Amino acid sequence: MTWLVTGGAGYIGAHIVRALADAGLSPVVLDDLSSGHASFVPEGVPFVPGSILDRDLVKRTLRDHDVEGVIHVAGYKYAGVSVRRPLHTYAQNVEGTRVLLEAMEAADVANIVFSSSAAVYGTPDVPLVTEDLPKRPASPYGESKLIGEWLLRDQAIATADSAHPLRHTSLRYFNVVGSGDPSVYDTSPHNLFPLVFEALLDGRTPRINGDDYDTADGTNVRDYVHVADIAAAHVVAAKRLAAGEPVEPAYNLGSQNGLSVREIMDAMARVTGIDFTPQIGPRRAGDPDRIVATGELAARDLAWANRYSVDEMVRSGWEARRAAGA
């Protein structure tokens, strides 16, 4: 049973590849290395360098490796930067998904797990996000993920009476952190964990953007989930699709409780042994006080659970980053 992981050389994708292999499935990686790293692909896993925008390459990869389904992680994932680069974001995330679906149809591949995002919700004014909350994305990135979900829905309707009707589900998650393998770590220049790690390694003081939010400690609260838990949910979703078992169109992979930025900073100091008092900068425009998702549907269908404490999330990410060297 072979599954293609687009973006499988990236931080999240590489963890999914390892989880597939551990579950007895055979992963194949397609990645253009625009943000991924060839070194993240485990030895022995077939790696096809290239873009999901290359329809012929995608179709050939699907056929050559007798692929049963796709876990679609590839995409441009920088929400803030997407505001300045909307055309690039739509090309990679919307056109890329369309081309992938076209290649899947041509190769008679009918199962897909889509790496979506909580960015489809925008900045909700409710304390706990559920899947049926209205979608109001606040960036081209969030919009592109929502359009990706629409593409899957519409293609499933269009192929419902065909020999290979599309079966799909989308997994929406917030802040993915930590590491499940010391050789894979988050290299994003925009995510909180790597920003703090790099500051500490450089001898700089990490910064909190605003401490006057309507939360217990004044800093905003977000959903932080361990990347190994995220990867495990993708594998269960893939297995359910392959077995013809029912799945929801979308699942939130949320923590139910969330963590404040100050709680993250305190954990960083405890785990790293580097005592620091974070600088306080101005709050960022549009940042809500709290965004946390329920993971009840995913717990029911995908064996979803948060298996890591905040210290374990920080420790695994810190050890992987230090193993990579300065």
Protein backbone atom coordinates (compact mmCIF):
# COMPACT_ATOMS: atom_id res chain seq x y z
CA MET A 1 0.00 0.00 0.00
CA THR A 2 1.87 3.06 -1.28
CA TRP A 3 1.02 6.67 -0.40
CA LEU A 4 2.47 9.74 -2.05
CA VAL A 5 3.36 12.54 0.36
CA THR A 6 3.60 15.87 -1.43
CA GLY A 7 5.87 18.15 0.54
CA GLY A 8 7.32 15.09 2.25
CA ALA A 9 10.74 16.72 2.66
CA GLY A 10 9.31 19.46 4.86
CA TYR A 11 8.97 19.60 8.63
CA ILE A 12 5.45 18.19 8.89
CA GLY A 13 5.64 16.07 5.74
CA ALA A 14 8.82 14.32 6.87
CA HIS A 15 7.13 13.30 10.11
CA ILE A 16 4.16 11.94 8.16
CA VAL A 17 6.54 9.93 5.97
CA ARG A 18 8.08 8.34 9.07
CA ALA A 19 4.66 7.62 10.57
CA LEU A 20 3.51 5.94 7.35
CA ALA A 21 6.61 3.74 7.27
CA ASP A 22 6.18 2.83 10.95
CA ALA A 23 2.58 1.82 10.20
CA GLY A 24 3.68 -0.58 7.46
CA LEU A 25 2.68 1.68 4.58
CA SER A 26 5.09 2.58 1.78
CA PRO A 27 5.62 6.33 1.42
CA VAL A 28 6.88 8.11 -1.69
CA VAL A 29 7.96 11.75 -1.48
CA LEU A 30 7.41 14.49 -4.06
CA ASP A 31 8.95 17.83 -3.08
CA ASP A 32 10.49 20.80 -4.92
CA LEU A 33 12.67 21.63 -1.87
CA SER A 34 11.55 25.26 -1.87
CA SER A 35 11.25 24.99 1.91
CA GLY A 36 11.95 21.30 2.49
CA HIS A 37 15.26 19.48 2.86
CA ALA A 38 16.36 16.34 1.05
CA SER A 39 18.12 15.27 4.25
CA PHE A 40 14.71 15.03 5.96
CA VAL A 41 13.68 12.16 3.66
CA PRO A 42 14.57 8.84 5.34
CA GLU A 43 17.00 6.53 3.62
CA GLY A 44 15.22 4.00 1.44
CA VAL A 45 12.13 6.17 0.82
CA PRO A 46 11.74 7.01 -2.88
CA PHE A 47 12.20 10.75 -3.41
CA VAL A 48 10.99 12.50 -6.56
CA PRO A 49 12.29 16.08 -6.82
CA GLY A 50 9.77 18.30 -8.52
CA SER A 51 6.69 20.48 -8.25
CA ILE A 52 3.03 19.57 -7.84
CA LEU A 53 2.45 22.08 -10.64
CA ASP A 54 4.11 19.62 -13.04
CA ARG A 55 1.09 17.52 -14.02
CA ASP A 56 3.02 14.99 -16.09
CA LEU A 57 5.55 14.43 -13.32
CA VAL A 58 2.82 13.95 -10.72
CA LYS A 59 0.88 11.55 -12.94
CA ARG A 60 4.01 9.57 -13.77
CA THR A 61 4.97 9.36 -10.10
CA LEU A 62 1.51 8.09 -9.18
CA ARG A 63 1.62 5.40 -11.84
CA ASP A 64 5.28 4.38 -11.48
CA HIS A 65 4.87 3.77 -7.75
CA ASP A 66 1.39 2.25 -7.94
CA VAL A 67 0.11 4.87 -5.50
CA GLU A 68 -3.13 4.17 -3.66
CA GLY A 69 -3.59 7.59 -2.13
CA VAL A 70 -2.05 11.02 -1.58
CA ILE A 71 -1.33 12.95 1.58
CA HIS A 72 -1.13 16.49 0.26
CA VAL A 73 1.12 18.60 2.49
CA ALA A 74 2.94 20.66 -0.15
CA GLY A 75 2.08 24.32 -0.21
CA TYR A 76 3.13 27.86 0.60
CA LYS A 77 2.47 28.09 4.33
CA TYR A 78 3.37 31.62 5.39
CA ALA A 79 0.12 33.40 6.20
CA GLY A 80 1.65 36.79 6.88
CA VAL A 81 3.83 36.79 3.80
CA SER A 82 0.89 35.63 1.67
CA VAL A 83 -0.61 39.11 2.04
CA ARG A 84 2.39 40.49 0.14
CA ARG A 85 2.59 37.54 -2.26
CA PRO A 86 -1.01 36.55 -3.03
CA LEU A 87 -0.37 35.44 -6.61
CA HIS A 88 2.45 33.15 -5.56
CA THR A 89 0.31 31.75 -2.74
CA TYR A 90 -2.62 31.01 -5.04
CA ALA A 91 -0.35 29.48 -7.69
CA GLN A 92 1.23 27.07 -5.20
CA ASN A 93 -1.81 26.24 -3.09
CA VAL A 94 -4.81 26.54 -5.39
CA GLU A 95 -3.38 25.75 -8.81
CA GLY A 96 -1.07 23.17 -7.26
CA THR A 97 -4.01 21.35 -5.69
CA ARG A 98 -6.02 21.56 -8.90
CA VAL A 99 -3.15 20.07 -10.93
CA LEU A 100 -2.66 17.33 -8.34
CA LEU A 101 -6.34 16.36 -8.50
CA GLU A 102 -6.20 16.36 -12.30
CA ALA A 103 -3.17 14.05 -12.23
CA MET A 104 -4.86 11.80 -9.66
CA GLU A 105 -7.93 11.45 -11.87
CA ALA A 106 -5.75 10.60 -14.88
CA ALA A 107 -3.89 7.97 -12.84
CA ASP A 108 -7.06 6.52 -11.23
CA VAL A 109 -5.93 7.47 -7.73
CA ALA A 110 -8.98 8.28 -5.65
CA ASN A 111 -7.90 8.85 -2.01
CA ILE A 112 -6.52 12.11 -0.61
CA VAL A 113 -5.81 13.52 2.83
CA PHE A 114 -5.45 17.29 2.57
CA SER A 115 -3.27 19.28 4.96
CA SER A 116 -5.56 22.23 5.59
CA SER A 117 -5.30 24.90 8.26
CA ALA A 118 -7.15 26.63 11.04
CA ALA A 119 -6.47 29.77 9.00
CA VAL A 120 -9.73 28.98 7.18
CA TYR A 121 -11.55 30.33 10.26
CA GLY A 122 -9.77 33.70 10.29
CA THR A 123 -10.04 35.34 13.71
CA PRO A 124 -13.13 33.75 15.31
CA ASP A 125 -14.76 35.44 18.30
CA VAL A 126 -15.59 32.20 20.09
CA PRO A 127 -13.38 30.55 22.72
CA LEU A 128 -13.51 27.08 21.15
CA VAL A 129 -13.44 26.46 17.40
CA THR A 130 -15.57 23.67 15.96
CA GLU A 131 -15.62 22.41 12.39
CA ASP A 132 -18.97 24.03 11.57
CA LEU A 133 -17.84 27.53 12.53
CA PRO A 134 -18.24 30.02 9.65
CA LYS A 135 -15.13 30.28 7.49
CA ARG A 136 -13.71 33.81 7.30
CA PRO A 137 -10.05 33.51 6.29
CA ALA A 138 -8.05 36.66 6.96
CA SER A 139 -5.18 36.06 4.52
CA PRO A 140 -4.59 34.72 1.02
CA TYR A 141 -3.05 31.69 2.69
CA GLY A 142 -6.22 30.93 4.62
CA GLU A 143 -8.31 31.58 1.52
CA SER A 144 -6.15 29.22 -0.53
CA LYS A 145 -6.61 26.43 2.00
CA LEU A 146 -10.37 26.92 2.01
CA ILE A 147 -10.43 26.86 -1.79
CA GLY A 148 -8.39 23.64 -1.62
CA GLU A 149 -11.13 22.10 0.49
CA TRP A 150 -13.73 23.28 -2.04
CA LEU A 151 -11.74 21.69 -4.86
CA LEU A 152 -11.79 18.35 -3.08
CA ARG A 153 -15.50 18.63 -2.38
CA ASP A 154 -16.37 19.55 -5.97
CA GLN A 155 -14.15 16.84 -7.49
CA ALA A 156 -15.76 14.26 -5.21
CA ILE A 157 -19.20 15.33 -6.44
CA ALA A 158 -18.06 15.29 -10.06
CA THR A 159 -16.58 11.78 -9.81
CA ALA A 160 -19.26 10.26 -7.58
CA ASP A 161 -20.62 8.01 -10.34
CA SER A 162 -17.28 7.17 -11.92
CA ALA A 163 -15.20 4.03 -11.56
CA HIS A 164 -12.89 5.83 -9.11
CA PRO A 165 -14.89 8.36 -7.05
CA LEU A 166 -12.68 10.70 -5.06
CA ARG A 167 -12.61 10.05 -1.31
CA HIS A 168 -11.13 12.83 0.79
CA THR A 169 -10.76 14.49 4.15
CA SER A 170 -9.07 17.71 5.26
CA LEU A 171 -7.17 18.09 8.53
CA ARG A 172 -7.13 21.59 10.00
CA TYR A 173 -4.53 22.45 12.60
CA PHE A 174 -3.04 25.50 14.25
CA ASN A 175 0.52 25.65 15.63
CA VAL A 176 2.52 22.49 15.00
CA VAL A 177 5.59 22.20 17.24
CA GLY A 178 8.19 19.81 18.60
CA SER A 179 9.96 16.96 16.88
CA GLY A 180 9.40 13.23 16.66
CA ASP A 181 12.84 12.54 15.21
CA PRO A 182 16.11 14.29 16.14
CA SER A 183 16.99 14.63 12.45
CA VAL A 184 13.88 16.70 11.63
CA TYR A 185 13.11 20.14 13.04
CA ASP A 186 11.05 23.21 12.19
CA THR A 187 13.05 25.55 9.95
CA SER A 188 10.32 28.14 9.39
CA PRO A 189 11.47 31.76 9.85
CA HIS A 190 7.98 32.73 11.03
CA ASN A 191 6.91 30.16 13.67
CA LEU A 192 7.20 30.85 17.41
CA PHE A 193 9.28 27.84 18.44
CA PRO A 194 12.09 28.27 15.87
CA LEU A 195 12.08 32.04 16.44
CA VAL A 196 12.67 31.53 20.16
CA PHE A 197 15.23 28.78 19.59
CA GLU A 198 17.24 30.91 17.17
CA ALA A 199 17.14 33.89 19.54
CA LEU A 200 18.44 31.78 22.42
CA LEU A 201 21.17 30.20 20.31
CA ASP A 202 22.24 33.67 19.15
CA GLY A 203 22.25 35.09 22.67
CA ARG A 204 19.26 37.35 21.98
CA THR A 205 16.19 37.80 24.15
CA PRO A 206 12.93 36.41 22.74
CA ARG A 207 10.01 38.80 22.40
CA ILE A 208 6.31 38.61 23.22
CA ASN A 209 4.02 40.63 20.98
CA GLY A 210 1.67 42.22 23.48
CA ASP A 211 0.84 41.43 27.11
CA ASP A 212 -2.49 43.24 27.42
CA TYR A 213 -4.82 40.61 25.97
CA ASP A 214 -7.95 39.48 27.79
CA THR A 215 -6.38 36.25 29.05
CA ALA A 216 -5.19 34.98 32.42
CA ASP A 217 -1.62 36.26 31.99
CA GLY A 218 -2.21 38.97 29.38
CA THR A 219 -0.61 37.11 26.46
CA ASN A 220 -2.64 35.53 23.70
CA VAL A 221 -3.59 31.86 23.84
CA ARG A 222 -3.11 29.51 20.92
CA ASP A 223 -3.36 25.84 20.06
CA TYR A 224 0.04 24.12 20.14
CA VAL A 225 0.07 20.48 19.05
CA HIS A 226 2.99 18.08 18.71
CA VAL A 227 4.03 17.18 15.18
CA ALA A 228 4.12 13.45 15.97
CA ASP A 229 0.45 13.56 16.97
CA ILE A 230 -0.35 15.44 13.75
CA ALA A 231 1.49 12.80 11.69
CA ALA A 232 -0.33 9.94 13.42
CA ALA A 233 -3.72 11.47 12.59
CA HIS A 234 -2.79 11.66 8.91
CA VAL A 235 -1.93 7.97 8.88
CA VAL A 236 -5.23 6.96 10.49
CA ALA A 237 -7.11 9.14 7.99
CA ALA A 238 -5.25 7.50 5.11
CA LYS A 239 -6.07 4.03 6.40
CA ARG A 240 -9.77 4.87 6.77
CA LEU A 241 -9.94 6.22 3.23
CA ALA A 242 -8.17 3.16 1.82
CA ALA A 243 -10.51 0.84 3.72
CA GLY A 244 -13.61 2.65 2.49
CA GLU A 245 -14.56 3.68 6.02
CA PRO A 246 -16.59 6.85 6.55
CA VAL A 247 -14.77 10.11 7.28
CA GLU A 248 -15.86 13.69 7.81
CA PRO A 249 -15.00 16.28 5.14
CA ALA A 250 -12.78 18.06 7.69
CA TYR A 251 -11.37 17.62 11.18
CA ASN A 252 -9.83 20.07 13.63
CA LEU A 253 -6.68 18.76 15.28
CA GLY A 254 -6.93 20.90 18.38
CA SER A 255 -5.80 20.79 21.98
CA GLN A 256 -9.12 21.84 23.59
CA ASN A 257 -7.23 24.03 26.10
CA GLY A 258 -4.42 25.95 24.45
CA LEU A 259 -1.32 27.60 25.87
CA SER A 260 -0.42 31.25 26.31
CA VAL A 261 2.71 32.73 24.80
CA ARG A 262 4.03 33.41 28.29
CA GLU A 263 3.50 29.75 29.23
CA ILE A 264 5.54 28.81 26.17
CA MET A 265 8.29 31.23 27.18
CA ASP A 266 8.36 29.85 30.72
CA ALA A 267 8.68 26.32 29.34
CA MET A 268 11.48 27.46 27.03
CA ALA A 269 13.46 28.76 30.01
CA ARG A 270 12.83 25.60 32.09
CA VAL A 271 13.75 23.16 29.34
CA THR A 272 16.73 24.96 27.83
CA GLY A 273 18.18 26.03 31.17
CA ILE A 274 18.61 29.55 29.75
CA ASP A 275 17.09 32.02 32.16
CA PHE A 276 15.55 34.99 30.39
CA THR A 277 12.81 37.54 30.75
CA PRO A 278 11.12 38.02 27.38
CA GLN A 279 10.93 41.49 25.93
CA ILE A 280 7.43 42.87 25.50
CA GLY A 281 6.67 44.41 22.13
CA PRO A 282 3.46 45.93 20.78
CA ARG A 283 0.61 43.59 19.96
CA ARG A 284 0.16 42.72 16.31
CA ALA A 285 -2.87 44.14 14.56
CA GLY A 286 -5.71 41.65 14.25
CA ASP A 287 -4.35 39.16 16.79
CA PRO A 288 -7.30 37.77 18.79
CA ASP A 289 -7.06 37.02 22.50
CA ARG A 290 -7.59 33.29 22.14
CA ILE A 291 -7.98 30.71 19.37
CA VAL A 292 -8.30 27.10 20.49
CA ALA A 293 -9.99 24.23 18.68
CA THR A 294 -11.86 21.20 19.87
CA GLY A 295 -10.57 17.89 18.57
CA GLU A 296 -13.65 15.84 19.46
CA LEU A 297 -14.46 14.63 15.94
CA ALA A 298 -10.83 13.71 15.30
CA ALA A 299 -10.66 11.86 18.61
CA ARG A 300 -13.73 9.88 17.59
CA ASP A 301 -12.57 8.93 14.09
CA LEU A 302 -8.78 9.39 13.92
CA ALA A 303 -7.58 8.32 17.38
CA TRP A 304 -6.54 11.94 17.86
CA ALA A 305 -5.08 12.85 21.25
CA ASN A 306 -2.57 15.27 22.69
CA ARG A 307 0.11 12.99 24.06
CA TYR A 308 2.76 15.59 24.94
CA SER A 309 3.07 18.17 27.71
CA VAL A 310 4.32 21.67 26.92
CA ASP A 311 7.76 20.79 28.34
CA GLU A 312 7.92 17.66 26.16
CA MET A 313 6.98 19.68 23.08
CA VAL A 314 9.68 22.24 23.81
CA ARG A 315 12.30 19.62 24.74
CA SER A 316 11.82 17.57 21.57
CA GLY A 317 12.03 20.65 19.36
CA TRP A 318 15.04 22.07 21.22
CA GLU A 319 16.98 18.80 21.10
CA ALA A 320 16.32 18.40 17.37
CA ARG A 321 17.39 21.98 16.68
CA ARG A 322 20.59 21.60 18.71
CA ALA A 323 21.35 18.28 17.00
CA ALA A 324 21.27 20.14 13.69
CA GLY A 325 24.09 22.44 14.85
CA ALA A 326 24.33 26.20 14.83
